[in-house]
Amino acid sequence: MVVISKDAQTLNDVRALQKYVLEELNVRTLTVTSDKETYGVMMRAEPEHRTLGSRLKGSFKAVTQAIKVFAIFLH
């Protein structure tokens, strides 16, 4: 199992629970890292157009753009 996070505290918390993770999730190894490139992880945020569009109506375009900007910030 690989846990990837930018947050050092999150990674430390997962390491502290390693024994329980290995036993309860029945995995053999636990890798904790902040290096998503090594594992080929790519993140993107995209709204559910049908659901969000029907709820937001005229604001849908602005919210969609904000989601994309936020996704770039997280990357």
PDB file of N, CA and C in Angstrom:
ATOM      1  N   MET A   1       0.842  -1.149   0.000  1.00  0.00           N
ATOM      2  CA  MET A   1       0.000   0.000   0.000  1.00  0.00           C
ATOM      3  C   MET A   1       0.900   1.228   0.000  1.00  0.00           C
ATOM      4  N   VAL A   2       0.530   2.214  -0.804  1.00  0.00           N
ATOM      5  CA  VAL A   2       1.289   3.454  -0.871  1.00  0.00           C
ATOM      6  C   VAL A   2       0.380   4.597  -0.451  1.00  0.00           C
ATOM      7  N   VAL A   3       0.829   5.388   0.504  1.00  0.00           N
ATOM      8  CA  VAL A   3       0.111   6.575   0.949  1.00  0.00           C
ATOM      9  C   VAL A   3       0.936   7.779   0.522  1.00  0.00           C
ATOM     10  N   ILE A   4       0.316   8.657  -0.279  1.00  0.00           N
ATOM     11  CA  ILE A   4       1.008   9.837  -0.780  1.00  0.00           C
ATOM     12  C   ILE A   4       0.316  11.076  -0.236  1.00  0.00           C
ATOM     13  N   SER A   5       1.096  11.979   0.337  1.00  0.00           N
ATOM     14  CA  SER A   5       0.554  13.232   0.850  1.00  0.00           C
ATOM     15  C   SER A   5       1.659  14.277   0.877  1.00  0.00           C
ATOM     16  N   LYS A   6       1.277  15.528   0.633  1.00  0.00           N
ATOM     17  CA  LYS A   6       2.224  16.637   0.758  1.00  0.00           C
ATOM     18  C   LYS A   6       2.436  17.018   2.218  1.00  0.00           C
ATOM     19  N   ASP A   7       1.470  16.702   3.048  1.00  0.00           N
ATOM     20  CA  ASP A   7       1.480  17.117   4.438  1.00  0.00           C
ATOM     21  C   ASP A   7       2.338  16.174   5.290  1.00  0.00           C
ATOM     22  N   ALA A   8       3.407  16.697   5.854  1.00  0.00           N
ATOM     23  CA  ALA A   8       4.333  15.896   6.658  1.00  0.00           C
ATOM     24  C   ALA A   8       3.647  15.308   7.887  1.00  0.00           C
ATOM     25  N   GLN A   9       2.739  16.051   8.496  1.00  0.00           N
ATOM     26  CA  GLN A   9       2.049  15.543   9.687  1.00  0.00           C
ATOM     27  C   GLN A   9       1.170  14.336   9.339  1.00  0.00           C
ATOM     28  N   THR A  10       0.515  14.394   8.208  1.00  0.00           N
ATOM     29  CA  THR A  10      -0.304  13.265   7.760  1.00  0.00           C
ATOM     30  C   THR A  10       0.568  12.032   7.561  1.00  0.00           C
ATOM     31  N   LEU A  11       1.703  12.214   6.925  1.00  0.00           N
ATOM     32  CA  LEU A  11       2.617  11.093   6.705  1.00  0.00           C
ATOM     33  C   LEU A  11       3.116  10.513   8.031  1.00  0.00           C
ATOM     34  N   ASN A  12       3.433  11.382   8.973  1.00  0.00           N
ATOM     35  CA  ASN A  12       3.869  10.915  10.296  1.00  0.00           C
ATOM     36  C   ASN A  12       2.756  10.163  11.006  1.00  0.00           C
ATOM     37  N   ASP A  13       1.532  10.639  10.884  1.00  0.00           N
ATOM     38  CA  ASP A  13       0.385   9.966  11.513  1.00  0.00           C
ATOM     39  C   ASP A  13       0.188   8.567  10.932  1.00  0.00           C
ATOM     40  N   VAL A  14       0.311   8.459   9.619  1.00  0.00           N
ATOM     41  CA  VAL A  14       0.169   7.149   8.972  1.00  0.00           C
ATOM     42  C   VAL A  14       1.285   6.215   9.419  1.00  0.00           C
ATOM     43  N   ARG A  15       2.498   6.726   9.490  1.00  0.00           N
ATOM     44  CA  ARG A  15       3.621   5.903   9.966  1.00  0.00           C
ATOM     45  C   ARG A  15       3.362   5.402  11.385  1.00  0.00           C
ATOM     46  N   ALA A  16       2.801   6.273  12.223  1.00  0.00           N
ATOM     47  CA  ALA A  16       2.519   5.893  13.607  1.00  0.00           C
ATOM     48  C   ALA A  16       1.485   4.769  13.686  1.00  0.00           C
ATOM     49  N   LEU A  17       0.632   4.686  12.681  1.00  0.00           N
ATOM     50  CA  LEU A  17      -0.413   3.659  12.659  1.00  0.00           C
ATOM     51  C   LEU A  17      -0.058   2.475  11.753  1.00  0.00           C
ATOM     52  N   GLN A  18       1.185   2.392  11.350  1.00  0.00           N
ATOM     53  CA  GLN A  18       1.602   1.375  10.381  1.00  0.00           C
ATOM     54  C   GLN A  18       1.212  -0.042  10.800  1.00  0.00           C
ATOM     55  N   LYS A  19       1.451  -0.395  12.028  1.00  0.00           N
ATOM     56  CA  LYS A  19       1.141  -1.741  12.501  1.00  0.00           C
ATOM     57  C   LYS A  19      -0.334  -2.065  12.284  1.00  0.00           C
ATOM     58  N   TYR A  20      -1.193  -1.126  12.633  1.00  0.00           N
ATOM     59  CA  TYR A  20      -2.632  -1.341  12.495  1.00  0.00           C
ATOM     60  C   TYR A  20      -3.062  -1.386  11.030  1.00  0.00           C
ATOM     61  N   VAL A  21      -2.471  -0.541  10.227  1.00  0.00           N
ATOM     62  CA  VAL A  21      -2.790  -0.531   8.795  1.00  0.00           C
ATOM     63  C   VAL A  21      -2.438  -1.875   8.170  1.00  0.00           C
ATOM     64  N   LEU A  22      -1.244  -2.367   8.461  1.00  0.00           N
ATOM     65  CA  LEU A  22      -0.813  -3.639   7.899  1.00  0.00           C
ATOM     66  C   LEU A  22      -1.717  -4.791   8.333  1.00  0.00           C
ATOM     67  N   GLU A  23      -2.089  -4.811   9.601  1.00  0.00           N
ATOM     68  CA  GLU A  23      -2.925  -5.897  10.117  1.00  0.00           C
ATOM     69  C   GLU A  23      -4.375  -5.793   9.642  1.00  0.00           C
ATOM     70  N   GLU A  24      -4.964  -4.631   9.775  1.00  0.00           N
ATOM     71  CA  GLU A  24      -6.389  -4.482   9.497  1.00  0.00           C
ATOM     72  C   GLU A  24      -6.726  -4.470   8.011  1.00  0.00           C
ATOM     73  N   LEU A  25      -5.823  -3.946   7.193  1.00  0.00           N
ATOM     74  CA  LEU A  25      -6.090  -3.893   5.761  1.00  0.00           C
ATOM     75  C   LEU A  25      -5.479  -5.069   5.017  1.00  0.00           C
ATOM     76  N   ASN A  26      -4.781  -5.920   5.783  1.00  0.00           N
ATOM     77  CA  ASN A  26      -4.187  -7.127   5.219  1.00  0.00           C
ATOM     78  C   ASN A  26      -3.273  -6.817   4.029  1.00  0.00           C
ATOM     79  N   VAL A  27      -2.377  -5.856   4.235  1.00  0.00           N
ATOM     80  CA  VAL A  27      -1.377  -5.534   3.219  1.00  0.00           C
ATOM     81  C   VAL A  27      -0.008  -5.936   3.748  1.00  0.00           C
ATOM     82  N   ARG A  28       0.910  -6.195   2.833  1.00  0.00           N
ATOM     83  CA  ARG A  28       2.233  -6.674   3.232  1.00  0.00           C
ATOM     84  C   ARG A  28       3.204  -5.554   3.554  1.00  0.00           C
ATOM     85  N   THR A  29       3.144  -4.489   2.771  1.00  0.00           N
ATOM     86  CA  THR A  29       4.059  -3.370   2.999  1.00  0.00           C
ATOM     87  C   THR A  29       3.292  -2.058   2.937  1.00  0.00           C
ATOM     88  N   LEU A  30       3.815  -1.087   3.634  1.00  0.00           N
ATOM     89  CA  LEU A  30       3.237   0.253   3.647  1.00  0.00           C
ATOM     90  C   LEU A  30       4.355   1.229   3.299  1.00  0.00           C
ATOM     91  N   THR A  31       4.142   1.959   2.223  1.00  0.00           N
ATOM     92  CA  THR A  31       5.092   2.983   1.815  1.00  0.00           C
ATOM     93  C   THR A  31       4.428   4.334   2.020  1.00  0.00           C
ATOM     94  N   VAL A  32       5.112   5.224   2.720  1.00  0.00           N
ATOM     95  CA  VAL A  32       4.593   6.554   3.019  1.00  0.00           C
ATOM     96  C   VAL A  32       5.529   7.562   2.365  1.00  0.00           C
ATOM     97  N   THR A  33       4.986   8.396   1.479  1.00  0.00           N
ATOM     98  CA  THR A  33       5.832   9.303   0.708  1.00  0.00           C
ATOM     99  C   THR A  33       5.076  10.562   0.287  1.00  0.00           C
ATOM    100  N   SER A  34       5.835  11.550  -0.130  1.00  0.00           N
ATOM    101  CA  SER A  34       5.243  12.761  -0.704  1.00  0.00           C
ATOM    102  C   SER A  34       5.566  12.853  -2.197  1.00  0.00           C
ATOM    103  N   ASP A  35       6.215  11.827  -2.735  1.00  0.00           N
ATOM    104  CA  ASP A  35       6.688  11.830  -4.114  1.00  0.00           C
ATOM    105  C   ASP A  35       5.693  11.133  -5.044  1.00  0.00           C
ATOM    106  N   LYS A  36       4.712  11.882  -5.526  1.00  0.00           N
ATOM    107  CA  LYS A  36       3.687  11.288  -6.383  1.00  0.00           C
ATOM    108  C   LYS A  36       4.204  10.973  -7.779  1.00  0.00           C
ATOM    109  N   GLU A  37       5.251  11.664  -8.233  1.00  0.00           N
ATOM    110  CA  GLU A  37       5.793  11.423  -9.570  1.00  0.00           C
ATOM    111  C   GLU A  37       6.366  10.008  -9.705  1.00  0.00           C
ATOM    112  N   THR A  38       6.975   9.505  -8.651  1.00  0.00           N
ATOM    113  CA  THR A  38       7.542   8.158  -8.662  1.00  0.00           C
ATOM    114  C   THR A  38       6.483   7.109  -8.986  1.00  0.00           C
ATOM    115  N   TYR A  39       5.264   7.350  -8.557  1.00  0.00           N
ATOM    116  CA  TYR A  39       4.180   6.389  -8.730  1.00  0.00           C
ATOM    117  C   TYR A  39       3.262   6.739  -9.898  1.00  0.00           C
ATOM    118  N   GLY A  40       3.620   7.783 -10.643  1.00  0.00           N
ATOM    119  CA  GLY A  40       2.837   8.154 -11.819  1.00  0.00           C
ATOM    120  C   GLY A  40       1.467   8.716 -11.496  1.00  0.00           C
ATOM    121  N   VAL A  41       1.310   9.302 -10.323  1.00  0.00           N
ATOM    122  CA  VAL A  41       0.024   9.857  -9.908  1.00  0.00           C
ATOM    123  C   VAL A  41      -0.158  11.245 -10.508  1.00  0.00           C
ATOM    124  N   MET A  42      -1.291  11.434 -11.143  1.00  0.00           N
ATOM    125  CA  MET A  42      -1.652  12.746 -11.677  1.00  0.00           C
ATOM    126  C   MET A  42      -3.013  13.107 -11.096  1.00  0.00           C
ATOM    127  N   MET A  43      -3.112  14.320 -10.624  1.00  0.00           N
ATOM    128  CA  MET A  43      -4.371  14.757 -10.017  1.00  0.00           C
ATOM    129  C   MET A  43      -5.051  15.777 -10.908  1.00  0.00           C
ATOM    130  N   ARG A  44      -6.376  15.714 -10.905  1.00  0.00           N
ATOM    131  CA  ARG A  44      -7.152  16.723 -11.602  1.00  0.00           C
ATOM    132  C   ARG A  44      -8.502  16.830 -10.919  1.00  0.00           C
ATOM    133  N   ALA A  45      -9.068  17.998 -10.997  1.00  0.00           N
ATOM    134  CA  ALA A  45     -10.394  18.233 -10.420  1.00  0.00           C
ATOM    135  C   ALA A  45     -11.320  18.636 -11.548  1.00  0.00           C
ATOM    136  N   GLU A  46     -12.422  17.934 -11.618  1.00  0.00           N
ATOM    137  CA  GLU A  46     -13.398  18.229 -12.648  1.00  0.00           C
ATOM    138  C   GLU A  46     -14.789  18.052 -12.051  1.00  0.00           C
ATOM    139  N   PRO A  47     -15.650  19.033 -12.224  1.00  0.00           N
ATOM    140  CA  PRO A  47     -16.983  18.935 -11.618  1.00  0.00           C
ATOM    141  C   PRO A  47     -17.867  17.931 -12.348  1.00  0.00           C
ATOM    142  N   GLU A  48     -18.826  17.408 -11.641  1.00  0.00           N
ATOM    143  CA  GLU A  48     -19.857  16.561 -12.226  1.00  0.00           C
ATOM    144  C   GLU A  48     -20.848  17.505 -12.899  1.00  0.00           C
ATOM    145  N   HIS A  49     -20.739  17.642 -14.214  1.00  0.00           N
ATOM    146  CA  HIS A  49     -21.484  18.665 -14.953  1.00  0.00           C
ATOM    147  C   HIS A  49     -22.995  18.564 -14.777  1.00  0.00           C
ATOM    148  N   ARG A  50     -23.540  17.384 -14.877  1.00  0.00           N
ATOM    149  CA  ARG A  50     -24.994  17.232 -14.787  1.00  0.00           C
ATOM    150  C   ARG A  50     -25.518  17.665 -13.414  1.00  0.00           C
ATOM    151  N   THR A  51     -24.910  17.157 -12.369  1.00  0.00           N
ATOM    152  CA  THR A  51     -25.374  17.468 -11.010  1.00  0.00           C
ATOM    153  C   THR A  51     -25.122  18.922 -10.644  1.00  0.00           C
ATOM    154  N   LEU A  52     -23.901  19.368 -10.837  1.00  0.00           N
ATOM    155  CA  LEU A  52     -23.538  20.731 -10.453  1.00  0.00           C
ATOM    156  C   LEU A  52     -24.250  21.762 -11.323  1.00  0.00           C
ATOM    157  N   GLY A  53     -24.378  21.468 -12.601  1.00  0.00           N
ATOM    158  CA  GLY A  53     -25.050  22.388 -13.512  1.00  0.00           C
ATOM    159  C   GLY A  53     -26.497  22.620 -13.146  1.00  0.00           C
ATOM    160  N   SER A  54     -27.195  21.571 -12.758  1.00  0.00           N
ATOM    161  CA  SER A  54     -28.601  21.722 -12.394  1.00  0.00           C
ATOM    162  C   SER A  54     -28.774  22.469 -11.071  1.00  0.00           C
ATOM    163  N   ARG A  55     -27.791  22.374 -10.205  1.00  0.00           N
ATOM    164  CA  ARG A  55     -27.882  23.073  -8.916  1.00  0.00           C
ATOM    165  C   ARG A  55     -27.458  24.535  -9.009  1.00  0.00           C
ATOM    166  N   LEU A  56     -26.435  24.816  -9.805  1.00  0.00           N
ATOM    167  CA  LEU A  56     -25.873  26.163  -9.824  1.00  0.00           C
ATOM    168  C   LEU A  56     -26.421  27.056 -10.923  1.00  0.00           C
ATOM    169  N   LYS A  57     -27.001  26.456 -11.930  1.00  0.00           N
ATOM    170  CA  LYS A  57     -27.576  27.199 -13.065  1.00  0.00           C
ATOM    171  C   LYS A  57     -26.569  28.197 -13.633  1.00  0.00           C
ATOM    172  N   GLY A  58     -26.823  29.493 -13.489  1.00  0.00           N
ATOM    173  CA  GLY A  58     -25.990  30.527 -14.089  1.00  0.00           C
ATOM    174  C   GLY A  58     -24.593  30.646 -13.498  1.00  0.00           C
ATOM    175  N   SER A  59     -24.399  30.158 -12.306  1.00  0.00           N
ATOM    176  CA  SER A  59     -23.085  30.246 -11.650  1.00  0.00           C
ATOM    177  C   SER A  59     -22.168  29.087 -12.009  1.00  0.00           C
ATOM    178  N   PHE A  60     -22.681  28.136 -12.769  1.00  0.00           N
ATOM    179  CA  PHE A  60     -21.924  26.920 -13.068  1.00  0.00           C
ATOM    180  C   PHE A  60     -20.579  27.211 -13.723  1.00  0.00           C
ATOM    181  N   LYS A  61     -20.554  28.101 -14.702  1.00  0.00           N
ATOM    182  CA  LYS A  61     -19.319  28.379 -15.419  1.00  0.00           C
ATOM    183  C   LYS A  61     -18.249  28.962 -14.494  1.00  0.00           C
ATOM    184  N   ALA A  62     -18.628  29.888 -13.640  1.00  0.00           N
ATOM    185  CA  ALA A  62     -17.675  30.512 -12.717  1.00  0.00           C
ATOM    186  C   ALA A  62     -17.143  29.490 -11.710  1.00  0.00           C
ATOM    187  N   VAL A  63     -18.008  28.632 -11.217  1.00  0.00           N
ATOM    188  CA  VAL A  63     -17.588  27.625 -10.242  1.00  0.00           C
ATOM    189  C   VAL A  63     -16.666  26.602 -10.909  1.00  0.00           C
ATOM    190  N   THR A  64     -16.985  26.214 -12.124  1.00  0.00           N
ATOM    191  CA  THR A  64     -16.144  25.282 -12.859  1.00  0.00           C
ATOM    192  C   THR A  64     -14.745  25.864 -13.048  1.00  0.00           C
ATOM    193  N   GLN A  65     -14.673  27.125 -13.406  1.00  0.00           N
ATOM    194  CA  GLN A  65     -13.376  27.777 -13.591  1.00  0.00           C
ATOM    195  C   GLN A  65     -12.604  27.838 -12.265  1.00  0.00           C
ATOM    196  N   ALA A  66     -13.295  28.130 -11.177  1.00  0.00           N
ATOM    197  CA  ALA A  66     -12.649  28.192  -9.862  1.00  0.00           C
ATOM    198  C   ALA A  66     -12.096  26.820  -9.459  1.00  0.00           C
ATOM    199  N   ILE A  67     -12.825  25.759  -9.771  1.00  0.00           N
ATOM    200  CA  ILE A  67     -12.362  24.406  -9.466  1.00  0.00           C
ATOM    201  C   ILE A  67     -11.083  24.108 -10.227  1.00  0.00           C
ATOM    202  N   LYS A  68     -11.031  24.489 -11.497  1.00  0.00           N
ATOM    203  CA  LYS A  68      -9.836  24.233 -12.306  1.00  0.00           C
ATOM    204  C   LYS A  68      -8.633  25.029 -11.803  1.00  0.00           C
ATOM    205  N   VAL A  69      -8.860  26.270 -11.404  1.00  0.00           N
ATOM    206  CA  VAL A  69      -7.772  27.092 -10.854  1.00  0.00           C
ATOM    207  C   VAL A  69      -7.263  26.480  -9.556  1.00  0.00           C
ATOM    208  N   PHE A  70      -8.176  26.049  -8.709  1.00  0.00           N
ATOM    209  CA  PHE A  70      -7.794  25.427  -7.442  1.00  0.00           C
ATOM    210  C   PHE A  70      -7.013  24.135  -7.687  1.00  0.00           C
ATOM    211  N   ALA A  71      -7.408  23.363  -8.682  1.00  0.00           N
ATOM    212  CA  ALA A  71      -6.716  22.116  -9.003  1.00  0.00           C
ATOM    213  C   ALA A  71      -5.282  22.400  -9.441  1.00  0.00           C
ATOM    214  N   ILE A  72      -5.071  23.459 -10.200  1.00  0.00           N
ATOM    215  CA  ILE A  72      -3.724  23.836 -10.626  1.00  0.00           C
ATOM    216  C   ILE A  72      -2.892  24.221  -9.412  1.00  0.00           C
ATOM    217  N   PHE A  73      -3.505  24.936  -8.469  1.00  0.00           N
ATOM    218  CA  PHE A  73      -2.839  25.330  -7.234  1.00  0.00           C
ATOM    219  C   PHE A  73      -2.387  24.098  -6.441  1.00  0.00           C
ATOM    220  N   LEU A  74      -3.199  23.064  -6.393  1.00  0.00           N
ATOM    221  CA  LEU A  74      -2.867  21.858  -5.644  1.00  0.00           C
ATOM    222  C   LEU A  74      -1.782  21.032  -6.319  1.00  0.00           C
ATOM    223  N   HIS A  75      -1.713  21.152  -7.605  1.00  0.00           N
ATOM    224  CA  HIS A  75      -0.761  20.331  -8.347  1.00  0.00           C
ATOM    225  C   HIS A  75       0.625  20.801  -8.034  1.00  0.00           C
TER     226      HIS A  75
END
